[in-house]
Amino acid sequence: MTMSRLNLVKGIGPVLQIAEGYSVDLPEEVHEALDHRTDPTWPTTWFAPIVTGEGAFRSVYDVMDNWGANHGAISYGHIGADLITQHPCCAFL
């Protein structure tokens, strides 16, 4: 899976965040405890980013500490390269 988020940063403009990882299944009691901290009627997918042990990707906690919010857009598949590669037809943008 790929989690992405577009943030508007004052003085910089739009900034794209990308984290690739996997969906994970949690034990039911863990899912219930976490899911009821927000609105349990919202769809929930548990996401574990691929970590590198360094910088913003040192651990799962560091990824979320550096994320623009507590949510993002999730795509199935590792599409990070597609999000940052500019298509030739769009070079004028």
PDB file of N, CA and C in Angstrom:
ATOM      1  N   MET A   1       0.843  -1.167   0.000  1.00  0.00           N
ATOM      2  CA  MET A   1       0.000   0.000   0.000  1.00  0.00           C
ATOM      3  C   MET A   1       0.893   1.235   0.000  1.00  0.00           C
ATOM      4  N   THR A   2       0.336   2.331  -0.459  1.00  0.00           N
ATOM      5  CA  THR A   2       1.023   3.616  -0.409  1.00  0.00           C
ATOM      6  C   THR A   2       0.114   4.616   0.285  1.00  0.00           C
ATOM      7  N   MET A   3       0.650   5.273   1.308  1.00  0.00           N
ATOM      8  CA  MET A   3      -0.087   6.329   1.998  1.00  0.00           C
ATOM      9  C   MET A   3       0.498   7.656   1.527  1.00  0.00           C
ATOM     10  N   SER A   4      -0.376   8.582   1.168  1.00  0.00           N
ATOM     11  CA  SER A   4       0.103   9.887   0.707  1.00  0.00           C
ATOM     12  C   SER A   4      -0.743  10.993   1.316  1.00  0.00           C
ATOM     13  N   ARG A   5      -0.162  12.168   1.321  1.00  0.00           N
ATOM     14  CA  ARG A   5      -0.862  13.346   1.834  1.00  0.00           C
ATOM     15  C   ARG A   5      -0.238  14.576   1.203  1.00  0.00           C
ATOM     16  N   LEU A   6      -1.074  15.504   0.781  1.00  0.00           N
ATOM     17  CA  LEU A   6      -0.619  16.782   0.262  1.00  0.00           C
ATOM     18  C   LEU A   6      -0.839  17.828   1.349  1.00  0.00           C
ATOM     19  N   ASN A   7       0.246  18.452   1.802  1.00  0.00           N
ATOM     20  CA  ASN A   7       0.189  19.483   2.840  1.00  0.00           C
ATOM     21  C   ASN A   7       0.506  20.830   2.208  1.00  0.00           C
ATOM     22  N   LEU A   8      -0.106  21.871   2.705  1.00  0.00           N
ATOM     23  CA  LEU A   8       0.245  23.230   2.304  1.00  0.00           C
ATOM     24  C   LEU A   8       1.093  23.820   3.420  1.00  0.00           C
ATOM     25  N   VAL A   9       2.360  24.075   3.121  1.00  0.00           N
ATOM     26  CA  VAL A   9       3.309  24.575   4.107  1.00  0.00           C
ATOM     27  C   VAL A   9       3.565  26.052   3.844  1.00  0.00           C
ATOM     28  N   LYS A  10       3.308  26.885   4.852  1.00  0.00           N
ATOM     29  CA  LYS A  10       3.488  28.317   4.718  1.00  0.00           C
ATOM     30  C   LYS A  10       4.919  28.639   4.294  1.00  0.00           C
ATOM     31  N   GLY A  11       5.060  29.460   3.265  1.00  0.00           N
ATOM     32  CA  GLY A  11       6.362  29.866   2.763  1.00  0.00           C
ATOM     33  C   GLY A  11       6.976  28.888   1.775  1.00  0.00           C
ATOM     34  N   ILE A  12       6.391  27.690   1.646  1.00  0.00           N
ATOM     35  CA  ILE A  12       6.912  26.688   0.712  1.00  0.00           C
ATOM     36  C   ILE A  12       5.878  26.361  -0.356  1.00  0.00           C
ATOM     37  N   GLY A  13       4.651  26.115   0.076  1.00  0.00           N
ATOM     38  CA  GLY A  13       3.588  25.727  -0.846  1.00  0.00           C
ATOM     39  C   GLY A  13       3.215  24.272  -0.643  1.00  0.00           C
ATOM     40  N   PRO A  14       2.709  23.608  -1.692  1.00  0.00           N
ATOM     41  CA  PRO A  14       2.285  22.217  -1.536  1.00  0.00           C
ATOM     42  C   PRO A  14       3.481  21.279  -1.359  1.00  0.00           C
ATOM     43  N   VAL A  15       3.345  20.368  -0.414  1.00  0.00           N
ATOM     44  CA  VAL A  15       4.384  19.379  -0.126  1.00  0.00           C
ATOM     45  C   VAL A  15       3.713  18.003  -0.097  1.00  0.00           C
ATOM     46  N   LEU A  16       4.217  17.080  -0.896  1.00  0.00           N
ATOM     47  CA  LEU A  16       3.664  15.729  -0.974  1.00  0.00           C
ATOM     48  C   LEU A  16       4.435  14.799  -0.047  1.00  0.00           C
ATOM     49  N   GLN A  17       3.716  14.121   0.833  1.00  0.00           N
ATOM     50  CA  GLN A  17       4.322  13.100   1.683  1.00  0.00           C
ATOM     51  C   GLN A  17       3.918  11.738   1.154  1.00  0.00           C
ATOM     52  N   ILE A  18       4.854  10.799   1.152  1.00  0.00           N
ATOM     53  CA  ILE A  18       4.610   9.451   0.655  1.00  0.00           C
ATOM     54  C   ILE A  18       5.239   8.457   1.624  1.00  0.00           C
ATOM     55  N   ALA A  19       4.483   7.427   1.983  1.00  0.00           N
ATOM     56  CA  ALA A  19       5.007   6.324   2.793  1.00  0.00           C
ATOM     57  C   ALA A  19       4.459   5.027   2.197  1.00  0.00           C
ATOM     58  N   GLU A  20       5.348   4.158   1.792  1.00  0.00           N
ATOM     59  CA  GLU A  20       4.908   2.861   1.298  1.00  0.00           C
ATOM     60  C   GLU A  20       4.976   1.847   2.429  1.00  0.00           C
ATOM     61  N   GLY A  21       4.067   0.880   2.405  1.00  0.00           N
ATOM     62  CA  GLY A  21       4.017  -0.116   3.468  1.00  0.00           C
ATOM     63  C   GLY A  21       3.011  -1.197   3.144  1.00  0.00           C
ATOM     64  N   TYR A  22       2.420  -1.748   4.188  1.00  0.00           N
ATOM     65  CA  TYR A  22       1.524  -2.893   4.034  1.00  0.00           C
ATOM     66  C   TYR A  22       0.324  -2.744   4.947  1.00  0.00           C
ATOM     67  N   SER A  23      -0.794  -3.370   4.561  1.00  0.00           N
ATOM     68  CA  SER A  23      -1.934  -3.432   5.465  1.00  0.00           C
ATOM     69  C   SER A  23      -1.659  -4.567   6.452  1.00  0.00           C
ATOM     70  N   VAL A  24      -2.132  -4.386   7.660  1.00  0.00           N
ATOM     71  CA  VAL A  24      -1.908  -5.396   8.690  1.00  0.00           C
ATOM     72  C   VAL A  24      -3.218  -5.715   9.389  1.00  0.00           C
ATOM     73  N   ASP A  25      -3.338  -6.949   9.848  1.00  0.00           N
ATOM     74  CA  ASP A  25      -4.470  -7.363  10.668  1.00  0.00           C
ATOM     75  C   ASP A  25      -4.045  -7.299  12.123  1.00  0.00           C
ATOM     76  N   LEU A  26      -4.873  -6.679  12.936  1.00  0.00           N
ATOM     77  CA  LEU A  26      -4.619  -6.602  14.364  1.00  0.00           C
ATOM     78  C   LEU A  26      -5.529  -7.590  15.092  1.00  0.00           C
ATOM     79  N   PRO A  27      -5.111  -8.066  16.250  1.00  0.00           N
ATOM     80  CA  PRO A  27      -6.038  -8.873  17.044  1.00  0.00           C
ATOM     81  C   PRO A  27      -7.316  -8.069  17.303  1.00  0.00           C
ATOM     82  N   GLU A  28      -8.447  -8.731  17.343  1.00  0.00           N
ATOM     83  CA  GLU A  28      -9.743  -8.059  17.449  1.00  0.00           C
ATOM     84  C   GLU A  28      -9.810  -7.103  18.644  1.00  0.00           C
ATOM     85  N   GLU A  29      -9.270  -7.507  19.799  1.00  0.00           N
ATOM     86  CA  GLU A  29      -9.346  -6.634  20.981  1.00  0.00           C
ATOM     87  C   GLU A  29      -8.494  -5.377  20.803  1.00  0.00           C
ATOM     88  N   VAL A  30      -7.393  -5.472  20.079  1.00  0.00           N
ATOM     89  CA  VAL A  30      -6.549  -4.299  19.807  1.00  0.00           C
ATOM     90  C   VAL A  30      -7.258  -3.383  18.814  1.00  0.00           C
ATOM     91  N   HIS A  31      -7.811  -3.971  17.745  1.00  0.00           N
ATOM     92  CA  HIS A  31      -8.570  -3.192  16.753  1.00  0.00           C
ATOM     93  C   HIS A  31      -9.711  -2.430  17.433  1.00  0.00           C
ATOM     94  N   GLU A  32     -10.484  -3.115  18.265  1.00  0.00           N
ATOM     95  CA  GLU A  32     -11.630  -2.486  18.932  1.00  0.00           C
ATOM     96  C   GLU A  32     -11.186  -1.320  19.814  1.00  0.00           C
ATOM     97  N   ALA A  33     -10.125  -1.524  20.587  1.00  0.00           N
ATOM     98  CA  ALA A  33      -9.654  -0.465  21.485  1.00  0.00           C
ATOM     99  C   ALA A  33      -9.228   0.768  20.695  1.00  0.00           C
ATOM    100  N   LEU A  34      -8.501   0.565  19.603  1.00  0.00           N
ATOM    101  CA  LEU A  34      -8.038   1.692  18.792  1.00  0.00           C
ATOM    102  C   LEU A  34      -9.170   2.309  17.980  1.00  0.00           C
ATOM    103  N   ASP A  35     -10.015   1.477  17.399  1.00  0.00           N
ATOM    104  CA  ASP A  35     -11.091   1.962  16.533  1.00  0.00           C
ATOM    105  C   ASP A  35     -12.086   2.823  17.310  1.00  0.00           C
ATOM    106  N   HIS A  36     -12.303   2.515  18.572  1.00  0.00           N
ATOM    107  CA  HIS A  36     -13.270   3.282  19.367  1.00  0.00           C
ATOM    108  C   HIS A  36     -12.688   4.583  19.924  1.00  0.00           C
ATOM    109  N   ARG A  37     -11.430   4.886  19.608  1.00  0.00           N
ATOM    110  CA  ARG A  37     -10.853   6.183  19.991  1.00  0.00           C
ATOM    111  C   ARG A  37     -11.283   7.273  19.022  1.00  0.00           C
ATOM    112  N   THR A  38     -11.773   6.872  17.850  1.00  0.00           N
ATOM    113  CA  THR A  38     -12.289   7.829  16.865  1.00  0.00           C
ATOM    114  C   THR A  38     -13.732   7.453  16.575  1.00  0.00           C
ATOM    115  N   ASP A  39     -14.199   7.677  15.376  1.00  0.00           N
ATOM    116  CA  ASP A  39     -15.554   7.331  14.984  1.00  0.00           C
ATOM    117  C   ASP A  39     -15.540   5.930  14.380  1.00  0.00           C
ATOM    118  N   PRO A  40     -16.037   4.918  15.086  1.00  0.00           N
ATOM    119  CA  PRO A  40     -15.962   3.545  14.582  1.00  0.00           C
ATOM    120  C   PRO A  40     -16.807   3.287  13.333  1.00  0.00           C
ATOM    121  N   THR A  41     -17.603   4.262  12.898  1.00  0.00           N
ATOM    122  CA  THR A  41     -18.369   4.071  11.669  1.00  0.00           C
ATOM    123  C   THR A  41     -17.512   4.360  10.434  1.00  0.00           C
ATOM    124  N   TRP A  42     -16.340   4.996  10.625  1.00  0.00           N
ATOM    125  CA  TRP A  42     -15.448   5.263   9.498  1.00  0.00           C
ATOM    126  C   TRP A  42     -14.749   3.976   9.089  1.00  0.00           C
ATOM    127  N   PRO A  43     -14.454   3.819   7.810  1.00  0.00           N
ATOM    128  CA  PRO A  43     -13.704   2.623   7.404  1.00  0.00           C
ATOM    129  C   PRO A  43     -12.289   2.678   7.986  1.00  0.00           C
ATOM    130  N   THR A  44     -11.773   1.541   8.390  1.00  0.00           N
ATOM    131  CA  THR A  44     -10.463   1.482   9.019  1.00  0.00           C
ATOM    132  C   THR A  44      -9.589   0.460   8.311  1.00  0.00           C
ATOM    133  N   THR A  45      -8.407   0.883   7.917  1.00  0.00           N
ATOM    134  CA  THR A  45      -7.373  -0.010   7.407  1.00  0.00           C
ATOM    135  C   THR A  45      -6.127   0.262   8.224  1.00  0.00           C
ATOM    136  N   TRP A  46      -5.576  -0.760   8.834  1.00  0.00           N
ATOM    137  CA  TRP A  46      -4.362  -0.590   9.625  1.00  0.00           C
ATOM    138  C   TRP A  46      -3.173  -0.699   8.690  1.00  0.00           C
ATOM    139  N   PHE A  47      -2.323   0.316   8.731  1.00  0.00           N
ATOM    140  CA  PHE A  47      -1.212   0.478   7.794  1.00  0.00           C
ATOM    141  C   PHE A  47       0.100   0.474   8.564  1.00  0.00           C
ATOM    142  N   ALA A  48       1.059  -0.312   8.090  1.00  0.00           N
ATOM    143  CA  ALA A  48       2.398  -0.332   8.681  1.00  0.00           C
ATOM    144  C   ALA A  48       3.390   0.114   7.612  1.00  0.00           C
ATOM    145  N   PRO A  49       4.016   1.285   7.792  1.00  0.00           N
ATOM    146  CA  PRO A  49       4.968   1.769   6.789  1.00  0.00           C
ATOM    147  C   PRO A  49       6.255   0.939   6.802  1.00  0.00           C
ATOM    148  N   ILE A  50       6.914   0.910   5.670  1.00  0.00           N
ATOM    149  CA  ILE A  50       8.234   0.296   5.595  1.00  0.00           C
ATOM    150  C   ILE A  50       9.206   1.270   6.251  1.00  0.00           C
ATOM    151  N   VAL A  51       9.937   0.817   7.252  1.00  0.00           N
ATOM    152  CA  VAL A  51      10.857   1.688   7.968  1.00  0.00           C
ATOM    153  C   VAL A  51      12.302   1.377   7.573  1.00  0.00           C
ATOM    154  N   THR A  52      13.151   2.390   7.706  1.00  0.00           N
ATOM    155  CA  THR A  52      14.558   2.259   7.310  1.00  0.00           C
ATOM    156  C   THR A  52      15.513   2.261   8.493  1.00  0.00           C
ATOM    157  N   GLY A  53      15.021   2.662   9.657  1.00  0.00           N
ATOM    158  CA  GLY A  53      15.893   2.784  10.817  1.00  0.00           C
ATOM    159  C   GLY A  53      16.592   4.128  10.907  1.00  0.00           C
ATOM    160  N   GLU A  54      16.270   5.037   9.967  1.00  0.00           N
ATOM    161  CA  GLU A  54      16.910   6.355   9.940  1.00  0.00           C
ATOM    162  C   GLU A  54      15.879   7.460   9.719  1.00  0.00           C
ATOM    163  N   GLY A  55      16.169   8.645  10.254  1.00  0.00           N
ATOM    164  CA  GLY A  55      15.377   9.849   9.991  1.00  0.00           C
ATOM    165  C   GLY A  55      13.897   9.680  10.273  1.00  0.00           C
ATOM    166  N   ALA A  56      13.073  10.254   9.398  1.00  0.00           N
ATOM    167  CA  ALA A  56      11.619  10.210   9.561  1.00  0.00           C
ATOM    168  C   ALA A  56      11.072   8.794   9.425  1.00  0.00           C
ATOM    169  N   PHE A  57      11.869   7.870   8.893  1.00  0.00           N
ATOM    170  CA  PHE A  57      11.437   6.481   8.729  1.00  0.00           C
ATOM    171  C   PHE A  57      12.195   5.542   9.665  1.00  0.00           C
ATOM    172  N   ARG A  58      12.670   6.091  10.791  1.00  0.00           N
ATOM    173  CA  ARG A  58      13.393   5.282  11.782  1.00  0.00           C
ATOM    174  C   ARG A  58      12.470   4.218  12.374  1.00  0.00           C
ATOM    175  N   SER A  59      11.213   4.595  12.656  1.00  0.00           N
ATOM    176  CA  SER A  59      10.235   3.666  13.225  1.00  0.00           C
ATOM    177  C   SER A  59       8.838   4.097  12.776  1.00  0.00           C
ATOM    178  N   VAL A  60       7.863   3.261  13.044  1.00  0.00           N
ATOM    179  CA  VAL A  60       6.473   3.608  12.734  1.00  0.00           C
ATOM    180  C   VAL A  60       6.088   4.895  13.467  1.00  0.00           C
ATOM    181  N   TYR A  61       6.518   5.027  14.715  1.00  0.00           N
ATOM    182  CA  TYR A  61       6.200   6.220  15.491  1.00  0.00           C
ATOM    183  C   TYR A  61       6.815   7.467  14.861  1.00  0.00           C
ATOM    184  N   ASP A  62       8.043   7.346  14.342  1.00  0.00           N
ATOM    185  CA  ASP A  62       8.685   8.500  13.702  1.00  0.00           C
ATOM    186  C   ASP A  62       7.968   8.888  12.418  1.00  0.00           C
ATOM    187  N   VAL A  63       7.474   7.915  11.654  1.00  0.00           N
ATOM    188  CA  VAL A  63       6.717   8.238  10.440  1.00  0.00           C
ATOM    189  C   VAL A  63       5.508   9.093  10.817  1.00  0.00           C
ATOM    190  N   MET A  64       4.748   8.660  11.818  1.00  0.00           N
ATOM    191  CA  MET A  64       3.553   9.404  12.204  1.00  0.00           C
ATOM    192  C   MET A  64       3.894  10.732  12.872  1.00  0.00           C
ATOM    193  N   ASP A  65       5.009  10.802  13.597  1.00  0.00           N
ATOM    194  CA  ASP A  65       5.430  12.077  14.189  1.00  0.00           C
ATOM    195  C   ASP A  65       5.759  13.110  13.118  1.00  0.00           C
ATOM    196  N   ASN A  66       6.188  12.658  11.956  1.00  0.00           N
ATOM    197  CA  ASN A  66       6.560  13.560  10.865  1.00  0.00           C
ATOM    198  C   ASN A  66       5.464  13.706   9.819  1.00  0.00           C
ATOM    199  N   TRP A  67       4.336  13.032  10.031  1.00  0.00           N
ATOM    200  CA  TRP A  67       3.229  13.082   9.071  1.00  0.00           C
ATOM    201  C   TRP A  67       2.431  14.344   9.292  1.00  0.00           C
ATOM    202  N   GLY A  68       1.832  14.897   8.236  1.00  0.00           N
ATOM    203  CA  GLY A  68       1.109  16.161   8.311  1.00  0.00           C
ATOM    204  C   GLY A  68      -0.184  16.107   9.099  1.00  0.00           C
ATOM    205  N   ALA A  69      -0.734  14.915   9.335  1.00  0.00           N
ATOM    206  CA  ALA A  69      -1.973  14.748  10.091  1.00  0.00           C
ATOM    207  C   ALA A  69      -2.048  13.291  10.530  1.00  0.00           C
ATOM    208  N   ASN A  70      -3.115  12.929  11.200  1.00  0.00           N
ATOM    209  CA  ASN A  70      -3.228  11.542  11.645  1.00  0.00           C
ATOM    210  C   ASN A  70      -3.940  10.656  10.620  1.00  0.00           C
ATOM    211  N   HIS A  71      -3.988  11.090   9.389  1.00  0.00           N
ATOM    212  CA  HIS A  71      -4.601  10.296   8.328  1.00  0.00           C
ATOM    213  C   HIS A  71      -3.932  10.629   6.998  1.00  0.00           C
ATOM    214  N   GLY A  72      -4.264   9.853   5.986  1.00  0.00           N
ATOM    215  CA  GLY A  72      -3.742  10.082   4.639  1.00  0.00           C
ATOM    216  C   GLY A  72      -4.597   9.330   3.644  1.00  0.00           C
ATOM    217  N   ALA A  73      -4.305   9.487   2.388  1.00  0.00           N
ATOM    218  CA  ALA A  73      -4.996   8.746   1.340  1.00  0.00           C
ATOM    219  C   ALA A  73      -4.232   7.449   1.107  1.00  0.00           C
ATOM    220  N   ILE A  74      -4.939   6.340   1.076  1.00  0.00           N
ATOM    221  CA  ILE A  74      -4.312   5.032   0.914  1.00  0.00           C
ATOM    222  C   ILE A  74      -4.615   4.486  -0.473  1.00  0.00           C
ATOM    223  N   SER A  75      -3.566   4.026  -1.154  1.00  0.00           N
ATOM    224  CA  SER A  75      -3.707   3.369  -2.455  1.00  0.00           C
ATOM    225  C   SER A  75      -3.181   1.947  -2.329  1.00  0.00           C
ATOM    226  N   TYR A  76      -3.836   1.019  -2.987  1.00  0.00           N
ATOM    227  CA  TYR A  76      -3.332  -0.350  -2.987  1.00  0.00           C
ATOM    228  C   TYR A  76      -2.226  -0.453  -4.008  1.00  0.00           C
ATOM    229  N   GLY A  77      -1.094  -0.978  -3.598  1.00  0.00           N
ATOM    230  CA  GLY A  77       0.086  -1.083  -4.446  1.00  0.00           C
ATOM    231  C   GLY A  77       1.107  -0.035  -4.059  1.00  0.00           C
ATOM    232  N   HIS A  78       2.347  -0.301  -4.406  1.00  0.00           N
ATOM    233  CA  HIS A  78       3.422   0.658  -4.139  1.00  0.00           C
ATOM    234  C   HIS A  78       3.527   1.587  -5.339  1.00  0.00           C
ATOM    235  N   ILE A  79       2.886   2.766  -5.218  1.00  0.00           N
ATOM    236  CA  ILE A  79       2.786   3.699  -6.339  1.00  0.00           C
ATOM    237  C   ILE A  79       3.545   4.999  -6.086  1.00  0.00           C
ATOM    238  N   GLY A  80       4.413   5.013  -5.078  1.00  0.00           N
ATOM    239  CA  GLY A  80       5.146   6.226  -4.736  1.00  0.00           C
ATOM    240  C   GLY A  80       5.914   6.806  -5.906  1.00  0.00           C
ATOM    241  N   ALA A  81       6.583   5.946  -6.675  1.00  0.00           N
ATOM    242  CA  ALA A  81       7.348   6.427  -7.833  1.00  0.00           C
ATOM    243  C   ALA A  81       6.427   7.085  -8.850  1.00  0.00           C
ATOM    244  N   ASP A  82       5.228   6.562  -9.010  1.00  0.00           N
ATOM    245  CA  ASP A  82       4.274   7.154  -9.952  1.00  0.00           C
ATOM    246  C   ASP A  82       3.802   8.527  -9.477  1.00  0.00           C
ATOM    247  N   LEU A  83       3.730   8.724  -8.172  1.00  0.00           N
ATOM    248  CA  LEU A  83       3.283  10.011  -7.638  1.00  0.00           C
ATOM    249  C   LEU A  83       4.324  11.113  -7.818  1.00  0.00           C
ATOM    250  N   ILE A  84       5.598  10.748  -7.864  1.00  0.00           N
ATOM    251  CA  ILE A  84       6.639  11.766  -7.985  1.00  0.00           C
ATOM    252  C   ILE A  84       7.240  11.875  -9.378  1.00  0.00           C
ATOM    253  N   THR A  85       6.808  11.011 -10.301  1.00  0.00           N
ATOM    254  CA  THR A  85       7.309  11.058 -11.669  1.00  0.00           C
ATOM    255  C   THR A  85       6.387  11.926 -12.498  1.00  0.00           C
ATOM    256  N   GLN A  86       6.953  12.926 -13.135  1.00  0.00           N
ATOM    257  CA  GLN A  86       6.141  13.831 -13.947  1.00  0.00           C
ATOM    258  C   GLN A  86       5.956  13.250 -15.337  1.00  0.00           C
ATOM    259  N   HIS A  87       4.717  13.143 -15.758  1.00  0.00           N
ATOM    260  CA  HIS A  87       4.396  12.644 -17.082  1.00  0.00           C
ATOM    261  C   HIS A  87       4.748  13.713 -18.108  1.00  0.00           C
ATOM    262  N   PRO A  88       5.335  13.333 -19.267  1.00  0.00           N
ATOM    263  CA  PRO A  88       5.744  14.328 -20.284  1.00  0.00           C
ATOM    264  C   PRO A  88       4.626  15.266 -20.726  1.00  0.00           C
ATOM    265  N   CYS A  89       3.376  14.785 -20.750  1.00  0.00           N
ATOM    266  CA  CYS A  89       2.282  15.653 -21.206  1.00  0.00           C
ATOM    267  C   CYS A  89       1.985  16.762 -20.214  1.00  0.00           C
ATOM    268  N   CYS A  90       2.465  16.612 -18.973  1.00  0.00           N
ATOM    269  CA  CYS A  90       2.155  17.590 -17.923  1.00  0.00           C
ATOM    270  C   CYS A  90       3.349  18.477 -17.606  1.00  0.00           C
ATOM    271  N   ALA A  91       4.343  18.512 -18.416  1.00  0.00           N
ATOM    272  CA  ALA A  91       5.584  19.249 -18.125  1.00  0.00           C
ATOM    273  C   ALA A  91       5.329  20.740 -17.960  1.00  0.00           C
ATOM    274  N   PHE A  92       4.252  21.259 -18.528  1.00  0.00           N
ATOM    275  CA  PHE A  92       3.965  22.695 -18.430  1.00  0.00           C
ATOM    276  C   PHE A  92       3.364  23.067 -17.085  1.00  0.00           C
ATOM    277  N   LEU A  93       2.947  22.078 -16.266  1.00  0.00           N
ATOM    278  CA  LEU A  93       2.310  22.376 -14.972  1.00  0.00           C
ATOM    279  C   LEU A  93       3.335  22.777 -13.929  1.00  0.00           C
TER     280      LEU A  93
END
